[in-house]
Amino acid sequence: MNPQVLELVNAAASGKRPHFFGDADVDRLLAIVWAMAGELAVTRERLDTLERLLAERAVVQRSDIDAYRPNAEAARERGEWQMEYIARLLRVLQQELDTLRASGAKDSGV
C-alpha cells in the first residue's frame, strides 16, 4: 500500500472516540454502513470502467460496461484503490485498536 496513504489512514483524531459495539443498534448501524460501502465500491468500479471505455471509444453502451473485464494494469490499480478504501473505512477501528495497544503497553510497563 502507498506509504502516504497509510500515514493518512493511521493519523489519529484528537479527543476520545466513542465506545463502539456497546449495543445492538450500533452493530446494526455498522452493518448498514458496510452495505453502503460495498455499494460505493461497486459504483466506483463501474465509474472506472466507464471512464476507461470513454477514453478508448468516446461512445459507451451499458452492455459495454457490463462486459468490461479489466486488463492486468487496471486490475492492479483497482486492487490498490480497494485496499486504500478499506483502510479509510476501517480507520476509526484501527485507531481505537492502536489506542488500546498503547494503553496496554503503558499498563504493563512496556
PDB file of N, CA and C in Angstrom:
ATOM      1  N   MET A   1       0.854  -1.179   0.000  1.00  0.00           N
ATOM      2  CA  MET A   1       0.000   0.000   0.000  1.00  0.00           C
ATOM      3  C   MET A   1       0.893   1.232   0.000  1.00  0.00           C
ATOM      4  N   ASN A   2       0.422   2.288  -0.596  1.00  0.00           N
ATOM      5  CA  ASN A   2       1.139   3.550  -0.672  1.00  0.00           C
ATOM      6  C   ASN A   2       1.440   4.058   0.738  1.00  0.00           C
ATOM      7  N   PRO A   3       2.727   4.326   1.068  1.00  0.00           N
ATOM      8  CA  PRO A   3       3.073   4.785   2.424  1.00  0.00           C
ATOM      9  C   PRO A   3       2.383   6.084   2.813  1.00  0.00           C
ATOM     10  N   GLN A   4       2.155   6.974   1.868  1.00  0.00           N
ATOM     11  CA  GLN A   4       1.461   8.226   2.176  1.00  0.00           C
ATOM     12  C   GLN A   4       0.015   7.965   2.574  1.00  0.00           C
ATOM     13  N   VAL A   5      -0.612   6.997   1.923  1.00  0.00           N
ATOM     14  CA  VAL A   5      -1.988   6.650   2.268  1.00  0.00           C
ATOM     15  C   VAL A   5      -2.030   6.049   3.662  1.00  0.00           C
ATOM     16  N   LEU A   6      -1.079   5.162   3.965  1.00  0.00           N
ATOM     17  CA  LEU A   6      -1.025   4.577   5.307  1.00  0.00           C
ATOM     18  C   LEU A   6      -0.853   5.649   6.367  1.00  0.00           C
ATOM     19  N   GLU A   7      -0.031   6.628   6.085  1.00  0.00           N
ATOM     20  CA  GLU A   7       0.171   7.716   7.045  1.00  0.00           C
ATOM     21  C   GLU A   7      -1.132   8.467   7.293  1.00  0.00           C
ATOM     22  N   LEU A   8      -1.853   8.769   6.229  1.00  0.00           N
ATOM     23  CA  LEU A   8      -3.133   9.466   6.375  1.00  0.00           C
ATOM     24  C   LEU A   8      -4.163   8.606   7.092  1.00  0.00           C
ATOM     25  N   VAL A   9      -4.213   7.332   6.737  1.00  0.00           N
ATOM     26  CA  VAL A   9      -5.183   6.430   7.336  1.00  0.00           C
ATOM     27  C   VAL A   9      -4.936   6.267   8.828  1.00  0.00           C
ATOM     28  N   ASN A  10      -3.677   6.225   9.216  1.00  0.00           N
ATOM     29  CA  ASN A  10      -3.334   5.986  10.614  1.00  0.00           C
ATOM     30  C   ASN A  10      -3.224   7.261  11.434  1.00  0.00           C
ATOM     31  N   ALA A  11      -3.465   8.418  10.826  1.00  0.00           N
ATOM     32  CA  ALA A  11      -3.417   9.671  11.576  1.00  0.00           C
ATOM     33  C   ALA A  11      -4.513   9.651  12.633  1.00  0.00           C
ATOM     34  N   ALA A  12      -4.132   9.934  13.855  1.00  0.00           N
ATOM     35  CA  ALA A  12      -5.085   9.873  14.964  1.00  0.00           C
ATOM     36  C   ALA A  12      -5.892  11.154  15.053  1.00  0.00           C
ATOM     37  N   ALA A  13      -7.175  11.000  15.314  1.00  0.00           N
ATOM     38  CA  ALA A  13      -8.047  12.152  15.542  1.00  0.00           C
ATOM     39  C   ALA A  13      -7.807  12.655  16.959  1.00  0.00           C
ATOM     40  N   SER A  14      -8.019  13.944  17.170  1.00  0.00           N
ATOM     41  CA  SER A  14      -7.858  14.476  18.514  1.00  0.00           C
ATOM     42  C   SER A  14      -9.088  14.151  19.347  1.00  0.00           C
ATOM     43  N   GLY A  15      -8.896  13.997  20.640  1.00  0.00           N
ATOM     44  CA  GLY A  15     -10.016  13.685  21.524  1.00  0.00           C
ATOM     45  C   GLY A  15     -10.309  12.205  21.569  1.00  0.00           C
ATOM     46  N   LYS A  16     -11.158  11.839  22.521  1.00  0.00           N
ATOM     47  CA  LYS A  16     -11.525  10.428  22.683  1.00  0.00           C
ATOM     48  C   LYS A  16     -12.599  10.038  21.682  1.00  0.00           C
ATOM     49  N   ARG A  17     -12.511   8.803  21.248  1.00  0.00           N
ATOM     50  CA  ARG A  17     -13.533   8.249  20.356  1.00  0.00           C
ATOM     51  C   ARG A  17     -14.624   7.609  21.206  1.00  0.00           C
ATOM     52  N   PRO A  18     -15.841   7.622  20.703  1.00  0.00           N
ATOM     53  CA  PRO A  18     -16.908   6.945  21.452  1.00  0.00           C
ATOM     54  C   PRO A  18     -16.673   5.439  21.448  1.00  0.00           C
ATOM     55  N   HIS A  19     -17.229   4.773  22.442  1.00  0.00           N
ATOM     56  CA  HIS A  19     -17.121   3.312  22.526  1.00  0.00           C
ATOM     57  C   HIS A  19     -18.042   2.693  21.482  1.00  0.00           C
ATOM     58  N   PHE A  20     -17.522   1.744  20.713  1.00  0.00           N
ATOM     59  CA  PHE A  20     -18.301   1.079  19.674  1.00  0.00           C
ATOM     60  C   PHE A  20     -18.765  -0.285  20.153  1.00  0.00           C
ATOM     61  N   PHE A  21     -19.796  -0.795  19.503  1.00  0.00           N
ATOM     62  CA  PHE A  21     -20.354  -2.118  19.711  1.00  0.00           C
ATOM     63  C   PHE A  21     -20.935  -2.293  21.114  1.00  0.00           C
ATOM     64  N   GLY A  22     -21.332  -1.204  21.726  1.00  0.00           N
ATOM     65  CA  GLY A  22     -21.900  -1.266  23.060  1.00  0.00           C
ATOM     66  C   GLY A  22     -23.320  -1.811  23.091  1.00  0.00           C
ATOM     67  N   ASP A  23     -24.029  -1.676  21.987  1.00  0.00           N
ATOM     68  CA  ASP A  23     -25.389  -2.221  21.943  1.00  0.00           C
ATOM     69  C   ASP A  23     -25.736  -2.667  20.531  1.00  0.00           C
ATOM     70  N   ALA A  24     -26.857  -3.302  20.413  1.00  0.00           N
ATOM     71  CA  ALA A  24     -27.268  -3.877  19.124  1.00  0.00           C
ATOM     72  C   ALA A  24     -27.515  -2.814  18.066  1.00  0.00           C
ATOM     73  N   ASP A  25     -27.957  -1.631  18.464  1.00  0.00           N
ATOM     74  CA  ASP A  25     -28.200  -0.567  17.485  1.00  0.00           C
ATOM     75  C   ASP A  25     -26.914  -0.178  16.769  1.00  0.00           C
ATOM     76  N   VAL A  26     -25.831  -0.142  17.490  1.00  0.00           N
ATOM     77  CA  VAL A  26     -24.545   0.203  16.880  1.00  0.00           C
ATOM     78  C   VAL A  26     -24.130  -0.889  15.897  1.00  0.00           C
ATOM     79  N   ASP A  27     -24.317  -2.125  16.279  1.00  0.00           N
ATOM     80  CA  ASP A  27     -23.992  -3.223  15.368  1.00  0.00           C
ATOM     81  C   ASP A  27     -24.813  -3.140  14.087  1.00  0.00           C
ATOM     82  N   ARG A  28     -26.083  -2.808  14.229  1.00  0.00           N
ATOM     83  CA  ARG A  28     -26.943  -2.675  13.041  1.00  0.00           C
ATOM     84  C   ARG A  28     -26.490  -1.512  12.172  1.00  0.00           C
ATOM     85  N   LEU A  29     -26.161  -0.421  12.795  1.00  0.00           N
ATOM     86  CA  LEU A  29     -25.679   0.728  12.043  1.00  0.00           C
ATOM     87  C   LEU A  29     -24.398   0.385  11.282  1.00  0.00           C
ATOM     88  N   LEU A  30     -23.505  -0.332  11.937  1.00  0.00           N
ATOM     89  CA  LEU A  30     -22.268  -0.737  11.274  1.00  0.00           C
ATOM     90  C   LEU A  30     -22.570  -1.626  10.071  1.00  0.00           C
ATOM     91  N   ALA A  31     -23.534  -2.520  10.206  1.00  0.00           N
ATOM     92  CA  ALA A  31     -23.911  -3.379   9.082  1.00  0.00           C
ATOM     93  C   ALA A  31     -24.431  -2.547   7.916  1.00  0.00           C
ATOM     94  N   ILE A  32     -25.207  -1.518   8.226  1.00  0.00           N
ATOM     95  CA  ILE A  32     -25.722  -0.627   7.179  1.00  0.00           C
ATOM     96  C   ILE A  32     -24.582   0.112   6.505  1.00  0.00           C
ATOM     97  N   VAL A  33     -23.669   0.618   7.293  1.00  0.00           N
ATOM     98  CA  VAL A  33     -22.526   1.353   6.733  1.00  0.00           C
ATOM     99  C   VAL A  33     -21.704   0.450   5.817  1.00  0.00           C
ATOM    100  N   TRP A  34     -21.465  -0.783   6.236  1.00  0.00           N
ATOM    101  CA  TRP A  34     -20.701  -1.703   5.394  1.00  0.00           C
ATOM    102  C   TRP A  34     -21.442  -2.028   4.106  1.00  0.00           C
ATOM    103  N   ALA A  35     -22.760  -2.158   4.185  1.00  0.00           N
ATOM    104  CA  ALA A  35     -23.532  -2.392   2.965  1.00  0.00           C
ATOM    105  C   ALA A  35     -23.386  -1.207   2.014  1.00  0.00           C
ATOM    106  N   MET A  36     -23.445  -0.004   2.568  1.00  0.00           N
ATOM    107  CA  MET A  36     -23.270   1.192   1.746  1.00  0.00           C
ATOM    108  C   MET A  36     -21.861   1.250   1.171  1.00  0.00           C
ATOM    109  N   ALA A  37     -20.883   0.880   1.964  1.00  0.00           N
ATOM    110  CA  ALA A  37     -19.503   0.873   1.478  1.00  0.00           C
ATOM    111  C   ALA A  37     -19.345  -0.096   0.311  1.00  0.00           C
ATOM    112  N   GLY A  38     -19.990  -1.252   0.406  1.00  0.00           N
ATOM    113  CA  GLY A  38     -19.939  -2.212  -0.694  1.00  0.00           C
ATOM    114  C   GLY A  38     -20.571  -1.660  -1.955  1.00  0.00           C
ATOM    115  N   GLU A  39     -21.704  -1.004  -1.789  1.00  0.00           N
ATOM    116  CA  GLU A  39     -22.358  -0.382  -2.942  1.00  0.00           C
ATOM    117  C   GLU A  39     -21.480   0.700  -3.565  1.00  0.00           C
ATOM    118  N   LEU A  40     -20.858   1.495  -2.732  1.00  0.00           N
ATOM    119  CA  LEU A  40     -19.987   2.545  -3.240  1.00  0.00           C
ATOM    120  C   LEU A  40     -18.796   1.954  -3.981  1.00  0.00           C
ATOM    121  N   ALA A  41     -18.250   0.872  -3.477  1.00  0.00           N
ATOM    122  CA  ALA A  41     -17.122   0.235  -4.148  1.00  0.00           C
ATOM    123  C   ALA A  41     -17.517  -0.257  -5.539  1.00  0.00           C
ATOM    124  N   VAL A  42     -18.710  -0.853  -5.644  1.00  0.00           N
ATOM    125  CA  VAL A  42     -19.193  -1.303  -6.953  1.00  0.00           C
ATOM    126  C   VAL A  42     -19.392  -0.108  -7.879  1.00  0.00           C
ATOM    127  N   THR A  43     -19.968   0.956  -7.356  1.00  0.00           N
ATOM    128  CA  THR A  43     -20.181   2.163  -8.154  1.00  0.00           C
ATOM    129  C   THR A  43     -18.861   2.729  -8.651  1.00  0.00           C
ATOM    130  N   ARG A  44     -17.873   2.737  -7.789  1.00  0.00           N
ATOM    131  CA  ARG A  44     -16.561   3.266  -8.161  1.00  0.00           C
ATOM    132  C   ARG A  44     -15.931   2.430  -9.273  1.00  0.00           C
ATOM    133  N   GLU A  45     -16.071   1.110  -9.202  1.00  0.00           N
ATOM    134  CA  GLU A  45     -15.538   0.261 -10.263  1.00  0.00           C
ATOM    135  C   GLU A  45     -16.260   0.509 -11.584  1.00  0.00           C
ATOM    136  N   ARG A  46     -17.573   0.676 -11.505  1.00  0.00           N
ATOM    137  CA  ARG A  46     -18.322   0.948 -12.736  1.00  0.00           C
ATOM    138  C   ARG A  46     -17.926   2.298 -13.329  1.00  0.00           C
ATOM    139  N   LEU A  47     -17.723   3.269 -12.505  1.00  0.00           N
ATOM    140  CA  LEU A  47     -17.276   4.575 -12.978  1.00  0.00           C
ATOM    141  C   LEU A  47     -15.898   4.466 -13.623  1.00  0.00           C
ATOM    142  N   ASP A  48     -15.016   3.715 -13.001  1.00  0.00           N
ATOM    143  CA  ASP A  48     -13.694   3.488 -13.567  1.00  0.00           C
ATOM    144  C   ASP A  48     -13.802   2.838 -14.941  1.00  0.00           C
ATOM    145  N   THR A  49     -14.680   1.843 -15.047  1.00  0.00           N
ATOM    146  CA  THR A  49     -14.907   1.187 -16.334  1.00  0.00           C
ATOM    147  C   THR A  49     -15.399   2.185 -17.369  1.00  0.00           C
ATOM    148  N   LEU A  50     -16.373   2.974 -16.995  1.00  0.00           N
ATOM    149  CA  LEU A  50     -16.926   3.969 -17.911  1.00  0.00           C
ATOM    150  C   LEU A  50     -15.853   4.947 -18.383  1.00  0.00           C
ATOM    151  N   GLU A  51     -15.066   5.438 -17.469  1.00  0.00           N
ATOM    152  CA  GLU A  51     -14.009   6.385 -17.836  1.00  0.00           C
ATOM    153  C   GLU A  51     -13.002   5.753 -18.783  1.00  0.00           C
ATOM    154  N   ARG A  52     -12.628   4.523 -18.528  1.00  0.00           N
ATOM    155  CA  ARG A  52     -11.660   3.850 -19.408  1.00  0.00           C
ATOM    156  C   ARG A  52     -12.241   3.622 -20.805  1.00  0.00           C
ATOM    157  N   LEU A  53     -13.482   3.193 -20.855  1.00  0.00           N
ATOM    158  CA  LEU A  53     -14.104   2.961 -22.161  1.00  0.00           C
ATOM    159  C   LEU A  53     -14.334   4.268 -22.919  1.00  0.00           C
ATOM    160  N   LEU A  54     -14.744   5.305 -22.219  1.00  0.00           N
ATOM    161  CA  LEU A  54     -14.908   6.599 -22.876  1.00  0.00           C
ATOM    162  C   LEU A  54     -13.600   7.073 -23.489  1.00  0.00           C
ATOM    163  N   ALA A  55     -12.525   6.874 -22.788  1.00  0.00           N
ATOM    164  CA  ALA A  55     -11.219   7.278 -23.313  1.00  0.00           C
ATOM    165  C   ALA A  55     -10.842   6.467 -24.555  1.00  0.00           C
ATOM    166  N   GLU A  56     -11.189   5.198 -24.563  1.00  0.00           N
ATOM    167  CA  GLU A  56     -10.850   4.332 -25.692  1.00  0.00           C
ATOM    168  C   GLU A  56     -11.758   4.532 -26.900  1.00  0.00           C
ATOM    169  N   ARG A  57     -13.061   4.720 -26.672  1.00  0.00           N
ATOM    170  CA  ARG A  57     -14.034   4.702 -27.770  1.00  0.00           C
ATOM    171  C   ARG A  57     -14.816   5.986 -27.972  1.00  0.00           C
ATOM    172  N   ALA A  58     -14.903   6.772 -26.963  1.00  0.00           N
ATOM    173  CA  ALA A  58     -15.693   8.003 -26.971  1.00  0.00           C
ATOM    174  C   ALA A  58     -17.202   7.751 -27.004  1.00  0.00           C
ATOM    175  N   VAL A  59     -17.642   6.491 -27.081  1.00  0.00           N
ATOM    176  CA  VAL A  59     -19.067   6.136 -27.015  1.00  0.00           C
ATOM    177  C   VAL A  59     -19.178   4.844 -26.206  1.00  0.00           C
ATOM    178  N   VAL A  60     -20.111   4.825 -25.267  1.00  0.00           N
ATOM    179  CA  VAL A  60     -20.253   3.655 -24.405  1.00  0.00           C
ATOM    180  C   VAL A  60     -21.715   3.263 -24.302  1.00  0.00           C
ATOM    181  N   GLN A  61     -21.959   1.976 -24.410  1.00  0.00           N
ATOM    182  CA  GLN A  61     -23.282   1.442 -24.168  1.00  0.00           C
ATOM    183  C   GLN A  61     -23.254   0.636 -22.871  1.00  0.00           C
ATOM    184  N   ARG A  62     -24.394   0.498 -22.241  1.00  0.00           N
ATOM    185  CA  ARG A  62     -24.490  -0.226 -20.960  1.00  0.00           C
ATOM    186  C   ARG A  62     -23.896  -1.640 -21.066  1.00  0.00           C
ATOM    187  N   SER A  63     -24.138  -2.309 -22.161  1.00  0.00           N
ATOM    188  CA  SER A  63     -23.604  -3.668 -22.331  1.00  0.00           C
ATOM    189  C   SER A  63     -22.082  -3.669 -22.348  1.00  0.00           C
ATOM    190  N   ASP A  64     -21.484  -2.586 -22.825  1.00  0.00           N
ATOM    191  CA  ASP A  64     -20.021  -2.481 -22.793  1.00  0.00           C
ATOM    192  C   ASP A  64     -19.507  -2.450 -21.355  1.00  0.00           C
ATOM    193  N   ILE A  65     -20.198  -1.702 -20.506  1.00  0.00           N
ATOM    194  CA  ILE A  65     -19.793  -1.616 -19.101  1.00  0.00           C
ATOM    195  C   ILE A  65     -19.961  -2.970 -18.425  1.00  0.00           C
ATOM    196  N   ASP A  66     -21.082  -3.625 -18.673  1.00  0.00           N
ATOM    197  CA  ASP A  66     -21.331  -4.927 -18.049  1.00  0.00           C
ATOM    198  C   ASP A  66     -20.334  -5.986 -18.517  1.00  0.00           C
ATOM    199  N   ALA A  67     -19.894  -5.896 -19.762  1.00  0.00           N
ATOM    200  CA  ALA A  67     -18.992  -6.901 -20.318  1.00  0.00           C
ATOM    201  C   ALA A  67     -17.513  -6.582 -20.085  1.00  0.00           C
ATOM    202  N   TYR A  68     -17.201  -5.405 -19.616  1.00  0.00           N
ATOM    203  CA  TYR A  68     -15.807  -4.985 -19.443  1.00  0.00           C
ATOM    204  C   TYR A  68     -15.079  -5.873 -18.439  1.00  0.00           C
ATOM    205  N   ARG A  69     -13.890  -6.303 -18.805  1.00  0.00           N
ATOM    206  CA  ARG A  69     -13.022  -7.054 -17.914  1.00  0.00           C
ATOM    207  C   ARG A  69     -11.683  -6.316 -17.894  1.00  0.00           C
ATOM    208  N   PRO A  70     -11.244  -5.893 -16.714  1.00  0.00           N
ATOM    209  CA  PRO A  70     -10.017  -5.104 -16.648  1.00  0.00           C
ATOM    210  C   PRO A  70      -8.790  -5.911 -17.054  1.00  0.00           C
ATOM    211  N   ASN A  71      -7.842  -5.221 -17.703  1.00  0.00           N
ATOM    212  CA  ASN A  71      -6.564  -5.855 -18.002  1.00  0.00           C
ATOM    213  C   ASN A  71      -5.740  -5.889 -16.717  1.00  0.00           C
ATOM    214  N   ALA A  72      -4.548  -6.443 -16.787  1.00  0.00           N
ATOM    215  CA  ALA A  72      -3.729  -6.617 -15.581  1.00  0.00           C
ATOM    216  C   ALA A  72      -3.428  -5.292 -14.889  1.00  0.00           C
ATOM    217  N   GLU A  73      -3.115  -4.270 -15.654  1.00  0.00           N
ATOM    218  CA  GLU A  73      -2.792  -2.968 -15.059  1.00  0.00           C
ATOM    219  C   GLU A  73      -4.011  -2.349 -14.383  1.00  0.00           C
ATOM    220  N   ALA A  74      -5.153  -2.395 -15.056  1.00  0.00           N
ATOM    221  CA  ALA A  74      -6.384  -1.856 -14.466  1.00  0.00           C
ATOM    222  C   ALA A  74      -6.762  -2.637 -13.210  1.00  0.00           C
ATOM    223  N   ALA A  75      -6.605  -3.956 -13.262  1.00  0.00           N
ATOM    224  CA  ALA A  75      -6.916  -4.783 -12.087  1.00  0.00           C
ATOM    225  C   ALA A  75      -5.992  -4.434 -10.932  1.00  0.00           C
ATOM    226  N   ARG A  76      -4.721  -4.213 -11.219  1.00  0.00           N
ATOM    227  CA  ARG A  76      -3.763  -3.832 -10.181  1.00  0.00           C
ATOM    228  C   ARG A  76      -4.143  -2.496  -9.568  1.00  0.00           C
ATOM    229  N   GLU A  77      -4.472  -1.514 -10.408  1.00  0.00           N
ATOM    230  CA  GLU A  77      -4.866  -0.193  -9.919  1.00  0.00           C
ATOM    231  C   GLU A  77      -6.133  -0.284  -9.075  1.00  0.00           C
ATOM    232  N   ARG A  78      -7.089  -1.074  -9.521  1.00  0.00           N
ATOM    233  CA  ARG A  78      -8.325  -1.242  -8.758  1.00  0.00           C
ATOM    234  C   ARG A  78      -8.050  -1.907  -7.415  1.00  0.00           C
ATOM    235  N   GLY A  79      -7.211  -2.915  -7.421  1.00  0.00           N
ATOM    236  CA  GLY A  79      -6.866  -3.592  -6.176  1.00  0.00           C
ATOM    237  C   GLY A  79      -6.206  -2.657  -5.183  1.00  0.00           C
ATOM    238  N   GLU A  80      -5.310  -1.826  -5.670  1.00  0.00           N
ATOM    239  CA  GLU A  80      -4.650  -0.842  -4.801  1.00  0.00           C
ATOM    240  C   GLU A  80      -5.678   0.141  -4.238  1.00  0.00           C
ATOM    241  N   TRP A  81      -6.570   0.627  -5.111  1.00  0.00           N
ATOM    242  CA  TRP A  81      -7.599   1.554  -4.647  1.00  0.00           C
ATOM    243  C   TRP A  81      -8.477   0.890  -3.588  1.00  0.00           C
ATOM    244  N   GLN A  82      -8.842  -0.362  -3.815  1.00  0.00           N
ATOM    245  CA  GLN A  82      -9.704  -1.061  -2.864  1.00  0.00           C
ATOM    246  C   GLN A  82      -9.027  -1.201  -1.502  1.00  0.00           C
ATOM    247  N   MET A  83      -7.739  -1.517  -1.481  1.00  0.00           N
ATOM    248  CA  MET A  83      -7.025  -1.638  -0.209  1.00  0.00           C
ATOM    249  C   MET A  83      -7.001  -0.298   0.529  1.00  0.00           C
ATOM    250  N   GLU A  84      -6.758   0.775  -0.206  1.00  0.00           N
ATOM    251  CA  GLU A  84      -6.745   2.107   0.410  1.00  0.00           C
ATOM    252  C   GLU A  84      -8.143   2.492   0.903  1.00  0.00           C
ATOM    253  N   TYR A  85      -9.150   2.139   0.148  1.00  0.00           N
ATOM    254  CA  TYR A  85     -10.531   2.432   0.517  1.00  0.00           C
ATOM    255  C   TYR A  85     -10.914   1.696   1.799  1.00  0.00           C
ATOM    256  N   ILE A  86     -10.592   0.429   1.867  1.00  0.00           N
ATOM    257  CA  ILE A  86     -10.879  -0.350   3.066  1.00  0.00           C
ATOM    258  C   ILE A  86     -10.140   0.226   4.267  1.00  0.00           C
ATOM    259  N   ALA A  87      -8.900   0.621   4.063  1.00  0.00           N
ATOM    260  CA  ALA A  87      -8.143   1.223   5.161  1.00  0.00           C
ATOM    261  C   ALA A  87      -8.817   2.500   5.649  1.00  0.00           C
ATOM    262  N   ARG A  88      -9.340   3.302   4.730  1.00  0.00           N
ATOM    263  CA  ARG A  88     -10.050   4.524   5.132  1.00  0.00           C
ATOM    264  C   ARG A  88     -11.319   4.184   5.905  1.00  0.00           C
ATOM    265  N   LEU A  89     -12.048   3.177   5.451  1.00  0.00           N
ATOM    266  CA  LEU A  89     -13.277   2.785   6.133  1.00  0.00           C
ATOM    267  C   LEU A  89     -13.008   2.270   7.540  1.00  0.00           C
ATOM    268  N   LEU A  90     -11.915   1.571   7.700  1.00  0.00           N
ATOM    269  CA  LEU A  90     -11.597   0.965   8.990  1.00  0.00           C
ATOM    270  C   LEU A  90     -10.719   1.854   9.863  1.00  0.00           C
ATOM    271  N   ARG A  91     -10.477   3.062   9.428  1.00  0.00           N
ATOM    272  CA  ARG A  91      -9.587   3.971  10.143  1.00  0.00           C
ATOM    273  C   ARG A  91      -9.978   4.123  11.613  1.00  0.00           C
ATOM    274  N   VAL A  92     -11.239   4.347  11.896  1.00  0.00           N
ATOM    275  CA  VAL A  92     -11.694   4.550  13.265  1.00  0.00           C
ATOM    276  C   VAL A  92     -11.391   3.318  14.110  1.00  0.00           C
ATOM    277  N   LEU A  93     -11.671   2.144  13.582  1.00  0.00           N
ATOM    278  CA  LEU A  93     -11.417   0.922  14.337  1.00  0.00           C
ATOM    279  C   LEU A  93      -9.920   0.692  14.529  1.00  0.00           C
ATOM    280  N   GLN A  94      -9.132   0.980  13.497  1.00  0.00           N
ATOM    281  CA  GLN A  94      -7.683   0.805  13.607  1.00  0.00           C
ATOM    282  C   GLN A  94      -7.107   1.744  14.663  1.00  0.00           C
ATOM    283  N   GLN A  95      -7.583   2.971  14.691  1.00  0.00           N
ATOM    284  CA  GLN A  95      -7.099   3.926  15.681  1.00  0.00           C
ATOM    285  C   GLN A  95      -7.486   3.503  17.091  1.00  0.00           C
ATOM    286  N   GLU A  96      -8.691   2.980  17.234  1.00  0.00           N
ATOM    287  CA  GLU A  96      -9.120   2.504  18.552  1.00  0.00           C
ATOM    288  C   GLU A  96      -8.239   1.338  18.996  1.00  0.00           C
ATOM    289  N   LEU A  97      -7.936   0.429  18.097  1.00  0.00           N
ATOM    290  CA  LEU A  97      -7.058  -0.697  18.405  1.00  0.00           C
ATOM    291  C   LEU A  97      -5.666  -0.204  18.781  1.00  0.00           C
ATOM    292  N   ASP A  98      -5.148   0.755  18.040  1.00  0.00           N
ATOM    293  CA  ASP A  98      -3.835   1.325  18.354  1.00  0.00           C
ATOM    294  C   ASP A  98      -3.818   1.948  19.744  1.00  0.00           C
ATOM    295  N   THR A  99      -4.903   2.652  20.091  1.00  0.00           N
ATOM    296  CA  THR A  99      -5.015   3.269  21.409  1.00  0.00           C
ATOM    297  C   THR A  99      -5.042   2.202  22.499  1.00  0.00           C
ATOM    298  N   LEU A 100      -5.812   1.138  22.286  1.00  0.00           N
ATOM    299  CA  LEU A 100      -5.870   0.049  23.261  1.00  0.00           C
ATOM    300  C   LEU A 100      -4.514  -0.617  23.432  1.00  0.00           C
ATOM    301  N   ARG A 101      -3.826  -0.821  22.330  1.00  0.00           N
ATOM    302  CA  ARG A 101      -2.490  -1.447  22.396  1.00  0.00           C
ATOM    303  C   ARG A 101      -1.523  -0.540  23.139  1.00  0.00           C
ATOM    304  N   ALA A 102      -1.583   0.760  22.846  1.00  0.00           N
ATOM    305  CA  ALA A 102      -0.686   1.706  23.513  1.00  0.00           C
ATOM    306  C   ALA A 102      -0.974   1.764  25.011  1.00  0.00           C
ATOM    307  N   SER A 103      -2.235   1.766  25.394  1.00  0.00           N
ATOM    308  CA  SER A 103      -2.569   1.824  26.824  1.00  0.00           C
ATOM    309  C   SER A 103      -2.209   0.509  27.493  1.00  0.00           C
ATOM    310  N   GLY A 104      -2.317  -0.599  26.782  1.00  0.00           N
ATOM    311  CA  GLY A 104      -1.899  -1.897  27.321  1.00  0.00           C
ATOM    312  C   GLY A 104      -0.397  -1.952  27.558  1.00  0.00           C
ATOM    313  N   ALA A 105       0.358  -1.357  26.639  1.00  0.00           N
ATOM    314  CA  ALA A 105       1.808  -1.324  26.785  1.00  0.00           C
ATOM    315  C   ALA A 105       2.200  -0.461  27.976  1.00  0.00           C
ATOM    316  N   LYS A 106       1.496   0.644  28.191  1.00  0.00           N
ATOM    317  CA  LYS A 106       1.767   1.522  29.329  1.00  0.00           C
ATOM    318  C   LYS A 106       1.425   0.821  30.629  1.00  0.00           C
ATOM    319  N   ASP A 107       0.275   0.112  30.631  1.00  0.00           N
ATOM    320  CA  ASP A 107      -0.177  -0.579  31.843  1.00  0.00           C
ATOM    321  C   ASP A 107       0.773  -1.711  32.222  1.00  0.00           C
ATOM    322  N   SER A 108       1.375  -2.358  31.214  1.00  0.00           N
ATOM    323  CA  SER A 108       2.253  -3.482  31.509  1.00  0.00           C
ATOM    324  C   SER A 108       3.690  -3.041  31.729  1.00  0.00           C
ATOM    325  N   GLY A 109       3.943  -1.732  31.614  1.00  0.00           N
ATOM    326  CA  GLY A 109       5.287  -1.221  31.840  1.00  0.00           C
ATOM    327  C   GLY A 109       6.208  -1.388  30.656  1.00  0.00           C
ATOM    328  N   VAL A 110       5.662  -1.723  29.486  1.00  0.00           N
ATOM    329  CA  VAL A 110       6.481  -1.905  28.285  1.00  0.00           C
ATOM    330  C   VAL A 110       6.757  -0.578  27.638  1.00  0.00           C
TER     331      VAL A 110
END
